[in-house]
Structures are given as C-alpha cells and as structure tokens.
Amino acid sequence: MDQLILKSAKKKYDQDGYTVFDNVLDSDLMKEAQEHIDWLMVKNPGIRPERLGKDLVKDDPFWVRLVCDDRLLDIAEQFIGPNIALFASHYISKPAFDGHPVLWHQDGSYWPLQPMDVVSLWLAVDDSLSENGCLRVIPKTHTMQLQEHKKNTQLESVLESEVDPSLVDESKAVDLILKSGSVSVHHPNVIHGSKANHSPLRRCGLTIRYIPSSTKIITEKQWPCAFLLRGEAVPGVNEYLSKPKYAVDRHMQFRGCESWV
C-alpha cells in the first residue's frame, strides 16, 4: 500500500480516533465472505446473525484465512507494529428489515487486555450505507477515558449495553459509508455504534481485533481465538492456538483451502 496513503490515514486516526481505507480486499474474496455468512447461519441456526462471534473462529479455516490476509495485516502493522496476533473477530450481519442496532459504546470497556494496545479493523463484507445501518463514529472521543457501560435491555440490540448517553453528542456523529472490501480502523476508546437495519439490503461487517504480541489477554482459560498471525510471540505473554486444518466434511470450501490441510 502506498506509504503516503498510510501516513495520511495514520494522521487522521491519531486526530479523530478512526480512519478509512477504500477497496482493500478484492470482490472474489468478498463473495466468499458473503457465502461464509450464509454457511455459518446454516451451521448455527440458534444464533442471531449479528452475534457470530469469537467462539466460532478456532475451527474455521476460512475465517482465519480472512483475518490473516496480508492486506489487512499490512494495515494493522501501521498501528501496532510487526508482531501481530488476533484477539477477537465477530461478524455483525444485520439482516434486511430486521437488523439489530449497536448502541453507543467504547470497545475497550469490554476487553480483558493489558495494556489496552489494540486496533480494530471493520471490514465491509456488504456495502455499508446509512440506510442499512452503517457504522457511526463520534470523532475525537478516543481521547476520553474508558467508561463503565450500563445495561440497556429496553430495546433489542447487539451488545445490550451502552456508554452513558450524556457523553454522546449525536450531532457530531459521522456515518462511515463503505463499499464491500473497504475497511475502517478505529481506536478502542472511540465512541461508535450503528442504527437498526430496516432496509431491504443486508449489512454485514466483520470486526477484527488485532493486538501486538506484547499485549496480554487476561483470562484463566485458553482464549478461543488467539492466533499469532505475523511476526514473533513474546515468551510468557499469551498461548496461541494452531491454525485450523481444512476438512471437506466440516468446513466451507474456499480458494486455497487445499493449503490448509
């Protein structure tokens, strides 16, 4: 990727808490990702499509192949350095007419990481538009400390919790309009969310949380999707899983799956 583009994007991230990269991944890979959502829904009929989360990653070769794509890692490296691990990944697929909102929140408030050195890439699997519930960001709120979030079950939503509404000035919200294959990057402290999808268009995004291998995942058990994706591990910090092997009877077929056996 052009160094001037990377430098400009990093400057915007530092100033506003988010940035955007257009046309990162090719349309063929995005078509496979769209098919992956359909495949996951058949395999997991009891899960809402907005909640296809981290517990499903470790035995899914396509998912791991997608998050370790060099084009994504090259972006992540600009923010966290060359030793890159996966902390979490989550499809938030809002079905047409019935997609749940994501209330205003700060990601870092939910995460057991020490230090909070992490970057989120949000990959537009489908075109992400204002009408189908695109990601919305409150610029410059990344300078705010992480806040305690409060439960909110008065309406159906993905997280069922939110940051104190008094901290949110919605008049400053920016809609991140992204074509399929484009990526937004956001800081763990920036306030963001998305509206419900009442449109006839599905809106699917894949969140990918990358950490440097120096960031520790604070957990008593093996974290379900901790993979070292690039560079070297730091001894004694995290235990990483082996990348899953492709099995024709268990996994979705994809380009290059034969190299995952």
C-alpha atoms as a PDB file:
ATOM      1  CA  MET A   1       0.000   0.000   0.000  1.00  0.00           C
ATOM      2  CA  ASP A   2       1.242   3.481  -0.845  1.00  0.00           C
ATOM      3  CA  GLN A   3       3.211   4.983   2.056  1.00  0.00           C
ATOM      4  CA  LEU A   4       1.605   8.411   1.609  1.00  0.00           C
ATOM      5  CA  ILE A   5      -1.847   6.863   1.960  1.00  0.00           C
ATOM      6  CA  LEU A   6      -0.753   5.002   5.080  1.00  0.00           C
ATOM      7  CA  LYS A   7       0.813   8.123   6.599  1.00  0.00           C
ATOM      8  CA  SER A   8      -2.287  10.218   5.905  1.00  0.00           C
ATOM      9  CA  ALA A   9      -4.589   7.536   7.339  1.00  0.00           C
ATOM     10  CA  LYS A  10      -2.481   7.227  10.499  1.00  0.00           C
ATOM     11  CA  LYS A  11      -2.581  11.007  10.976  1.00  0.00           C
ATOM     12  CA  LYS A  12      -6.395  11.015  10.735  1.00  0.00           C
ATOM     13  CA  TYR A  13      -6.589   8.078  13.173  1.00  0.00           C
ATOM     14  CA  ASP A  14      -4.419   9.925  15.679  1.00  0.00           C
ATOM     15  CA  GLN A  15      -6.533  13.096  15.318  1.00  0.00           C
ATOM     16  CA  ASP A  16     -10.059  11.641  15.145  1.00  0.00           C
ATOM     17  CA  GLY A  17      -9.844   8.091  16.529  1.00  0.00           C
ATOM     18  CA  TYR A  18     -10.725   6.416  13.240  1.00  0.00           C
ATOM     19  CA  THR A  19      -9.732   6.258   9.597  1.00  0.00           C
ATOM     20  CA  VAL A  20     -10.835   4.529   6.378  1.00  0.00           C
ATOM     21  CA  PHE A  21      -9.085   2.511   3.669  1.00  0.00           C
ATOM     22  CA  ASP A  22     -11.051   2.022   0.445  1.00  0.00           C
ATOM     23  CA  ASN A  23     -11.022  -1.108  -1.736  1.00  0.00           C
ATOM     24  CA  VAL A  24      -8.636  -3.175   0.398  1.00  0.00           C
ATOM     25  CA  LEU A  25      -9.863  -6.676  -0.473  1.00  0.00           C
ATOM     26  CA  ASP A  26     -10.936  -7.973  -3.875  1.00  0.00           C
ATOM     27  CA  SER A  27     -14.503  -8.763  -4.925  1.00  0.00           C
ATOM     28  CA  ASP A  28     -13.864 -12.513  -5.269  1.00  0.00           C
ATOM     29  CA  LEU A  29     -12.772 -12.764  -1.637  1.00  0.00           C
ATOM     30  CA  MET A  30     -15.741 -10.659  -0.553  1.00  0.00           C
ATOM     31  CA  LYS A  31     -18.060 -13.001  -2.425  1.00  0.00           C
ATOM     32  CA  GLU A  32     -16.583 -15.887  -0.424  1.00  0.00           C
ATOM     33  CA  ALA A  33     -17.052 -13.915   2.787  1.00  0.00           C
ATOM     34  CA  GLN A  34     -20.706 -13.293   1.880  1.00  0.00           C
ATOM     35  CA  GLU A  35     -21.124 -17.014   1.248  1.00  0.00           C
ATOM     36  CA  HIS A  36     -19.404 -17.678   4.578  1.00  0.00           C
ATOM     37  CA  ILE A  37     -22.163 -15.787   6.405  1.00  0.00           C
ATOM     38  CA  ASP A  38     -24.825 -17.947   4.764  1.00  0.00           C
ATOM     39  CA  TRP A  39     -22.828 -21.087   5.601  1.00  0.00           C
ATOM     40  CA  LEU A  40     -22.404 -20.014   9.243  1.00  0.00           C
ATOM     41  CA  MET A  41     -26.120 -19.363   9.600  1.00  0.00           C
ATOM     42  CA  VAL A  42     -26.937 -22.856   8.367  1.00  0.00           C
ATOM     43  CA  LYS A  43     -24.354 -24.333  10.769  1.00  0.00           C
ATOM     44  CA  ASN A  44     -25.547 -22.220  13.718  1.00  0.00           C
ATOM     45  CA  PRO A  45     -29.323 -21.818  13.379  1.00  0.00           C
ATOM     46  CA  GLY A  46     -29.784 -20.767  17.009  1.00  0.00           C
ATOM     47  CA  ILE A  47     -27.537 -17.703  16.764  1.00  0.00           C
ATOM     48  CA  ARG A  48     -28.663 -14.292  15.578  1.00  0.00           C
ATOM     49  CA  PRO A  49     -26.625 -13.229  12.508  1.00  0.00           C
ATOM     50  CA  GLU A  50     -25.363 -10.180  14.450  1.00  0.00           C
ATOM     51  CA  ARG A  51     -23.770 -12.489  17.032  1.00  0.00           C
ATOM     52  CA  LEU A  52     -21.445 -14.741  15.017  1.00  0.00           C
ATOM     53  CA  GLY A  53     -18.524 -14.258  17.361  1.00  0.00           C
ATOM     54  CA  LYS A  54     -15.143 -15.345  18.604  1.00  0.00           C
ATOM     55  CA  ASP A  55     -16.065 -18.844  19.784  1.00  0.00           C
ATOM     56  CA  LEU A  56     -16.650 -19.922  16.163  1.00  0.00           C
ATOM     57  CA  VAL A  57     -13.257 -18.847  14.831  1.00  0.00           C
ATOM     58  CA  LYS A  58     -10.848 -21.528  16.070  1.00  0.00           C
ATOM     59  CA  ASP A  59     -12.276 -24.345  13.916  1.00  0.00           C
ATOM     60  CA  ASP A  60     -12.952 -22.273  10.809  1.00  0.00           C
ATOM     61  CA  PRO A  61     -10.093 -22.201   8.275  1.00  0.00           C
ATOM     62  CA  PHE A  62     -11.762 -19.623   6.025  1.00  0.00           C
ATOM     63  CA  TRP A  63     -12.314 -17.218   8.914  1.00  0.00           C
ATOM     64  CA  VAL A  64      -8.649 -17.496   9.957  1.00  0.00           C
ATOM     65  CA  ARG A  65      -7.535 -17.201   6.331  1.00  0.00           C
ATOM     66  CA  LEU A  66      -9.567 -13.995   6.029  1.00  0.00           C
ATOM     67  CA  VAL A  67      -8.238 -12.268   9.150  1.00  0.00           C
ATOM     68  CA  CYS A  68      -4.633 -13.141   8.283  1.00  0.00           C
ATOM     69  CA  ASP A  69      -4.832 -11.722   4.758  1.00  0.00           C
ATOM     70  CA  ASP A  70      -1.632  -9.757   4.214  1.00  0.00           C
ATOM     71  CA  ARG A  71      -3.542  -6.710   3.012  1.00  0.00           C
ATOM     72  CA  LEU A  72      -5.283  -6.456   6.371  1.00  0.00           C
ATOM     73  CA  LEU A  73      -2.150  -7.224   8.365  1.00  0.00           C
ATOM     74  CA  ASP A  74      -0.235  -4.543   6.457  1.00  0.00           C
ATOM     75  CA  ILE A  75      -2.812  -2.019   7.688  1.00  0.00           C
ATOM     76  CA  ALA A  76      -2.770  -3.348  11.255  1.00  0.00           C
ATOM     77  CA  GLU A  77       1.039  -3.177  11.306  1.00  0.00           C
ATOM     78  CA  GLN A  78       0.921   0.603  10.863  1.00  0.00           C
ATOM     79  CA  PHE A  79      -0.903   0.889  14.185  1.00  0.00           C
ATOM     80  CA  ILE A  80       0.520  -1.864  16.404  1.00  0.00           C
ATOM     81  CA  GLY A  81       3.805  -2.940  14.842  1.00  0.00           C
ATOM     82  CA  PRO A  82       5.062  -6.119  13.122  1.00  0.00           C
ATOM     83  CA  ASN A  83       4.246  -8.782  15.748  1.00  0.00           C
ATOM     84  CA  ILE A  84       0.521  -9.241  15.263  1.00  0.00           C
ATOM     85  CA  ALA A  85      -1.933 -11.581  16.998  1.00  0.00           C
ATOM     86  CA  LEU A  86      -5.679 -11.987  16.726  1.00  0.00           C
ATOM     87  CA  PHE A  87      -7.599 -11.136  19.869  1.00  0.00           C
ATOM     88  CA  ALA A  88     -11.155 -11.402  18.564  1.00  0.00           C
ATOM     89  CA  SER A  89     -13.293 -11.376  15.439  1.00  0.00           C
ATOM     90  CA  HIS A  90     -17.042 -11.083  15.068  1.00  0.00           C
ATOM     91  CA  TYR A  91     -19.438 -10.893  12.143  1.00  0.00           C
ATOM     92  CA  ILE A  92     -22.227  -8.391  12.767  1.00  0.00           C
ATOM     93  CA  SER A  93     -24.603  -9.300   9.965  1.00  0.00           C
ATOM     94  CA  LYS A  94     -27.785  -7.238  10.064  1.00  0.00           C
ATOM     95  CA  PRO A  95     -30.479  -8.977   8.029  1.00  0.00           C
ATOM     96  CA  ALA A  96     -32.756  -6.977   5.778  1.00  0.00           C
ATOM     97  CA  PHE A  97     -35.702  -5.348   7.586  1.00  0.00           C
ATOM     98  CA  ASP A  98     -34.738  -6.874  10.970  1.00  0.00           C
ATOM     99  CA  GLY A  99     -31.150  -5.916  11.772  1.00  0.00           C
ATOM    100  CA  HIS A 100     -30.458  -5.014  15.382  1.00  0.00           C
ATOM    101  CA  PRO A 101     -28.671  -1.782  16.299  1.00  0.00           C
ATOM    102  CA  VAL A 102     -25.383  -1.485  18.167  1.00  0.00           C
ATOM    103  CA  LEU A 103     -25.732   1.092  20.933  1.00  0.00           C
ATOM    104  CA  TRP A 104     -23.085   3.775  21.513  1.00  0.00           C
ATOM    105  CA  HIS A 105     -20.076   2.190  23.184  1.00  0.00           C
ATOM    106  CA  GLN A 106     -16.298   2.042  23.582  1.00  0.00           C
ATOM    107  CA  ASP A 107     -14.836  -1.327  22.612  1.00  0.00           C
ATOM    108  CA  GLY A 108     -12.044  -1.289  25.175  1.00  0.00           C
ATOM    109  CA  SER A 109     -14.511  -1.263  28.064  1.00  0.00           C
ATOM    110  CA  TYR A 110     -15.405  -4.875  27.254  1.00  0.00           C
ATOM    111  CA  TRP A 111     -11.934  -6.325  26.720  1.00  0.00           C
ATOM    112  CA  PRO A 112      -9.589  -8.194  29.110  1.00  0.00           C
ATOM    113  CA  LEU A 113      -6.370  -6.756  27.665  1.00  0.00           C
ATOM    114  CA  GLN A 114      -3.278  -5.415  29.376  1.00  0.00           C
ATOM    115  CA  PRO A 115      -2.147  -2.952  28.204  1.00  0.00           C
ATOM    116  CA  MET A 116      -5.060  -1.747  26.018  1.00  0.00           C
ATOM    117  CA  ASP A 117      -2.813  -1.756  22.955  1.00  0.00           C
ATOM    118  CA  VAL A 118      -5.181  -2.987  20.242  1.00  0.00           C
ATOM    119  CA  VAL A 119      -6.596  -1.837  16.925  1.00  0.00           C
ATOM    120  CA  SER A 120      -9.944  -2.719  15.362  1.00  0.00           C
ATOM    121  CA  LEU A 121     -10.387  -3.210  11.643  1.00  0.00           C
ATOM    122  CA  TRP A 122     -14.004  -3.206  10.467  1.00  0.00           C
ATOM    123  CA  LEU A 123     -14.279  -4.947   7.100  1.00  0.00           C
ATOM    124  CA  ALA A 124     -17.329  -4.159   4.995  1.00  0.00           C
ATOM    125  CA  VAL A 125     -18.459  -7.565   3.727  1.00  0.00           C
ATOM    126  CA  ASP A 126     -21.540  -5.967   2.153  1.00  0.00           C
ATOM    127  CA  ASP A 127     -21.851  -2.358   1.055  1.00  0.00           C
ATOM    128  CA  SER A 128     -22.359  -0.413   4.290  1.00  0.00           C
ATOM    129  CA  LEU A 129     -24.780   2.508   3.864  1.00  0.00           C
ATOM    130  CA  SER A 130     -26.696   4.916   6.071  1.00  0.00           C
ATOM    131  CA  GLU A 131     -29.957   3.182   5.161  1.00  0.00           C
ATOM    132  CA  ASN A 132     -28.821  -0.332   6.128  1.00  0.00           C
ATOM    133  CA  GLY A 133     -27.196   0.548   9.452  1.00  0.00           C
ATOM    134  CA  CYS A 134     -23.601   1.527   8.743  1.00  0.00           C
ATOM    135  CA  LEU A 135     -21.014   2.079  11.446  1.00  0.00           C
ATOM    136  CA  ARG A 136     -21.205   5.561  13.023  1.00  0.00           C
ATOM    137  CA  VAL A 137     -18.392   7.251  14.932  1.00  0.00           C
ATOM    138  CA  ILE A 138     -18.163  10.269  17.238  1.00  0.00           C
ATOM    139  CA  PRO A 139     -14.822  11.789  16.154  1.00  0.00           C
ATOM    140  CA  LYS A 140     -12.162  12.674  18.741  1.00  0.00           C
ATOM    141  CA  THR A 141     -13.795  10.718  21.577  1.00  0.00           C
ATOM    142  CA  HIS A 142     -10.758   8.413  21.581  1.00  0.00           C
ATOM    143  CA  THR A 143      -9.166  10.954  23.953  1.00  0.00           C
ATOM    144  CA  MET A 144     -11.814  10.055  26.565  1.00  0.00           C
ATOM    145  CA  GLN A 145     -11.013   7.504  29.256  1.00  0.00           C
ATOM    146  CA  LEU A 146     -12.769   4.144  29.063  1.00  0.00           C
ATOM    147  CA  GLN A 147     -16.150   4.416  30.759  1.00  0.00           C
ATOM    148  CA  GLU A 148     -18.305   1.930  32.637  1.00  0.00           C
ATOM    149  CA  HIS A 149     -21.141   0.789  30.379  1.00  0.00           C
ATOM    150  CA  LYS A 150     -24.685   0.290  31.600  1.00  0.00           C
ATOM    151  CA  LYS A 151     -27.095  -2.480  30.736  1.00  0.00           C
ATOM    152  CA  ASN A 152     -29.885  -1.494  28.363  1.00  0.00           C
ATOM    153  CA  THR A 153     -32.467  -4.139  27.529  1.00  0.00           C
ATOM    154  CA  GLN A 154     -35.295  -1.739  26.725  1.00  0.00           C
ATOM    155  CA  LEU A 155     -34.733  -2.454  23.045  1.00  0.00           C
ATOM    156  CA  GLU A 156     -33.165  -5.374  21.217  1.00  0.00           C
ATOM    157  CA  SER A 157     -29.533  -4.611  20.413  1.00  0.00           C
ATOM    158  CA  VAL A 158     -26.301  -6.453  19.730  1.00  0.00           C
ATOM    159  CA  LEU A 159     -24.403  -5.575  22.932  1.00  0.00           C
ATOM    160  CA  GLU A 160     -27.391  -4.872  25.224  1.00  0.00           C
ATOM    161  CA  SER A 161     -25.335  -2.170  26.945  1.00  0.00           C
ATOM    162  CA  GLU A 162     -24.178   1.375  26.236  1.00  0.00           C
ATOM    163  CA  VAL A 163     -21.951   4.197  27.347  1.00  0.00           C
ATOM    164  CA  ASP A 164     -23.622   6.944  29.401  1.00  0.00           C
ATOM    165  CA  PRO A 165     -25.809   8.794  26.829  1.00  0.00           C
ATOM    166  CA  SER A 166     -24.823  12.143  28.343  1.00  0.00           C
ATOM    167  CA  LEU A 167     -21.319  11.581  26.940  1.00  0.00           C
ATOM    168  CA  VAL A 168     -22.588  11.252  23.365  1.00  0.00           C
ATOM    169  CA  ASP A 169     -23.171  14.248  21.115  1.00  0.00           C
ATOM    170  CA  GLU A 170     -25.021  12.647  18.209  1.00  0.00           C
ATOM    171  CA  SER A 171     -24.878  15.873  16.225  1.00  0.00           C
ATOM    172  CA  LYS A 172     -21.193  15.114  15.673  1.00  0.00           C
ATOM    173  CA  ALA A 173     -21.727  11.529  14.504  1.00  0.00           C
ATOM    174  CA  VAL A 174     -20.150  10.530  11.181  1.00  0.00           C
ATOM    175  CA  ASP A 175     -21.648   7.747   9.035  1.00  0.00           C
ATOM    176  CA  LEU A 176     -18.899   5.535   7.606  1.00  0.00           C
ATOM    177  CA  ILE A 177     -20.140   4.696   4.105  1.00  0.00           C
ATOM    178  CA  LEU A 178     -18.052   1.783   2.840  1.00  0.00           C
ATOM    179  CA  LYS A 179     -18.094  -0.318  -0.303  1.00  0.00           C
ATOM    180  CA  SER A 180     -17.678  -4.071   0.108  1.00  0.00           C
ATOM    181  CA  GLY A 181     -13.977  -4.811   0.603  1.00  0.00           C
ATOM    182  CA  SER A 182     -13.213  -1.466   2.241  1.00  0.00           C
ATOM    183  CA  VAL A 183     -12.016  -1.144   5.824  1.00  0.00           C
ATOM    184  CA  SER A 184     -12.431   1.316   8.663  1.00  0.00           C
ATOM    185  CA  VAL A 185      -9.983   1.367  11.550  1.00  0.00           C
ATOM    186  CA  HIS A 186     -10.910   2.580  14.989  1.00  0.00           C
ATOM    187  CA  HIS A 187      -9.351   3.196  18.383  1.00  0.00           C
ATOM    188  CA  PRO A 188     -10.519   1.123  21.405  1.00  0.00           C
ATOM    189  CA  ASN A 189     -11.693   4.300  23.196  1.00  0.00           C
ATOM    190  CA  VAL A 190     -13.616   5.990  20.376  1.00  0.00           C
ATOM    191  CA  ILE A 191     -17.397   6.064  20.848  1.00  0.00           C
ATOM    192  CA  HIS A 192     -19.209   4.357  17.996  1.00  0.00           C
ATOM    193  CA  GLY A 193     -22.323   2.351  17.191  1.00  0.00           C
ATOM    194  CA  SER A 194     -24.837   1.726  14.419  1.00  0.00           C
ATOM    195  CA  LYS A 195     -28.555   2.003  13.799  1.00  0.00           C
ATOM    196  CA  ALA A 196     -31.011  -0.806  13.128  1.00  0.00           C
ATOM    197  CA  ASN A 197     -31.371  -2.082   9.579  1.00  0.00           C
ATOM    198  CA  HIS A 198     -34.929  -1.605   8.307  1.00  0.00           C
ATOM    199  CA  SER A 199     -33.869  -1.567   4.646  1.00  0.00           C
ATOM    200  CA  PRO A 200     -34.180  -4.396   2.081  1.00  0.00           C
ATOM    201  CA  LEU A 201     -30.375  -4.696   1.996  1.00  0.00           C
ATOM    202  CA  ARG A 202     -28.371  -6.920   4.343  1.00  0.00           C
ATOM    203  CA  ARG A 203     -25.473  -5.153   6.066  1.00  0.00           C
ATOM    204  CA  CYS A 204     -22.637  -7.379   7.176  1.00  0.00           C
ATOM    205  CA  GLY A 205     -19.374  -6.204   8.692  1.00  0.00           C
ATOM    206  CA  LEU A 206     -16.529  -8.274  10.111  1.00  0.00           C
ATOM    207  CA  THR A 207     -14.784  -6.821  13.162  1.00  0.00           C
ATOM    208  CA  ILE A 208     -11.160  -7.899  13.578  1.00  0.00           C
ATOM    209  CA  ARG A 209      -9.309  -7.024  16.776  1.00  0.00           C
ATOM    210  CA  TYR A 210      -5.550  -7.180  16.339  1.00  0.00           C
ATOM    211  CA  ILE A 211      -3.087  -6.897  19.222  1.00  0.00           C
ATOM    212  CA  PRO A 212       0.706  -6.770  19.321  1.00  0.00           C
ATOM    213  CA  SER A 213       2.089  -9.964  20.805  1.00  0.00           C
ATOM    214  CA  SER A 214       3.231  -7.876  23.805  1.00  0.00           C
ATOM    215  CA  THR A 215      -0.409  -7.301  24.864  1.00  0.00           C
ATOM    216  CA  LYS A 216      -1.653  -9.915  27.316  1.00  0.00           C
ATOM    217  CA  ILE A 217      -5.117 -11.460  27.154  1.00  0.00           C
ATOM    218  CA  ILE A 218      -6.181 -11.694  30.823  1.00  0.00           C
ATOM    219  CA  THR A 219      -8.038 -14.978  31.106  1.00  0.00           C
ATOM    220  CA  GLU A 220      -7.808 -18.155  33.154  1.00  0.00           C
ATOM    221  CA  LYS A 221      -8.645 -20.397  30.202  1.00  0.00           C
ATOM    222  CA  GLN A 222      -7.251 -20.606  26.703  1.00  0.00           C
ATOM    223  CA  TRP A 223      -8.713 -17.670  24.771  1.00  0.00           C
ATOM    224  CA  PRO A 224     -10.879 -19.172  21.982  1.00  0.00           C
ATOM    225  CA  CYS A 225      -9.409 -17.283  19.032  1.00  0.00           C
ATOM    226  CA  ALA A 226      -5.864 -16.296  19.981  1.00  0.00           C
ATOM    227  CA  PHE A 227      -3.730 -16.814  16.885  1.00  0.00           C
ATOM    228  CA  LEU A 228      -0.280 -15.447  16.124  1.00  0.00           C
ATOM    229  CA  LEU A 229      -0.699 -14.059  12.603  1.00  0.00           C
ATOM    230  CA  ARG A 230       2.579 -12.284  11.837  1.00  0.00           C
ATOM    231  CA  GLY A 231       5.980 -11.910  13.454  1.00  0.00           C
ATOM    232  CA  GLU A 232       7.034 -13.389  16.770  1.00  0.00           C
ATOM    233  CA  ALA A 233       5.392 -14.167  20.098  1.00  0.00           C
ATOM    234  CA  VAL A 234       6.644 -12.658  23.343  1.00  0.00           C
ATOM    235  CA  PRO A 235       7.535 -15.531  25.708  1.00  0.00           C
ATOM    236  CA  GLY A 236       5.212 -15.860  28.673  1.00  0.00           C
ATOM    237  CA  VAL A 237       2.568 -13.413  27.451  1.00  0.00           C
ATOM    238  CA  ASN A 238      -0.072 -15.440  25.543  1.00  0.00           C
ATOM    239  CA  GLU A 239      -0.638 -19.009  24.427  1.00  0.00           C
ATOM    240  CA  TYR A 240      -1.637 -19.211  20.783  1.00  0.00           C
ATOM    241  CA  LEU A 241      -3.748 -21.791  19.001  1.00  0.00           C
ATOM    242  CA  SER A 242      -2.606 -23.713  15.930  1.00  0.00           C
ATOM    243  CA  LYS A 243      -4.356 -22.634  12.770  1.00  0.00           C
ATOM    244  CA  PRO A 244      -7.256 -24.979  11.920  1.00  0.00           C
ATOM    245  CA  LYS A 245      -6.880 -27.657   9.269  1.00  0.00           C
ATOM    246  CA  TYR A 246      -9.399 -27.756   6.432  1.00  0.00           C
ATOM    247  CA  ALA A 247     -11.699 -30.796   6.357  1.00  0.00           C
ATOM    248  CA  VAL A 248     -14.078 -31.177   3.435  1.00  0.00           C
ATOM    249  CA  ASP A 249     -16.811 -32.667   5.645  1.00  0.00           C
ATOM    250  CA  ARG A 250     -16.660 -29.886   8.275  1.00  0.00           C
ATOM    251  CA  HIS A 251     -15.688 -26.632   6.646  1.00  0.00           C
ATOM    252  CA  MET A 252     -16.722 -24.292   3.878  1.00  0.00           C
ATOM    253  CA  GLN A 253     -14.753 -24.769   0.695  1.00  0.00           C
ATOM    254  CA  PHE A 254     -12.782 -21.710  -0.423  1.00  0.00           C
ATOM    255  CA  ARG A 255      -9.981 -20.745  -2.775  1.00  0.00           C
ATOM    256  CA  GLY A 256      -6.720 -22.103  -1.398  1.00  0.00           C
ATOM    257  CA  CYS A 257      -8.357 -24.443   1.120  1.00  0.00           C
ATOM    258  CA  GLU A 258      -6.104 -27.279  -0.097  1.00  0.00           C
ATOM    259  CA  SER A 259      -3.142 -25.497   1.537  1.00  0.00           C
ATOM    260  CA  TRP A 260      -4.921 -25.617   4.927  1.00  0.00           C
ATOM    261  CA  VAL A 261      -4.952 -29.417   5.233  1.00  0.00           C
END
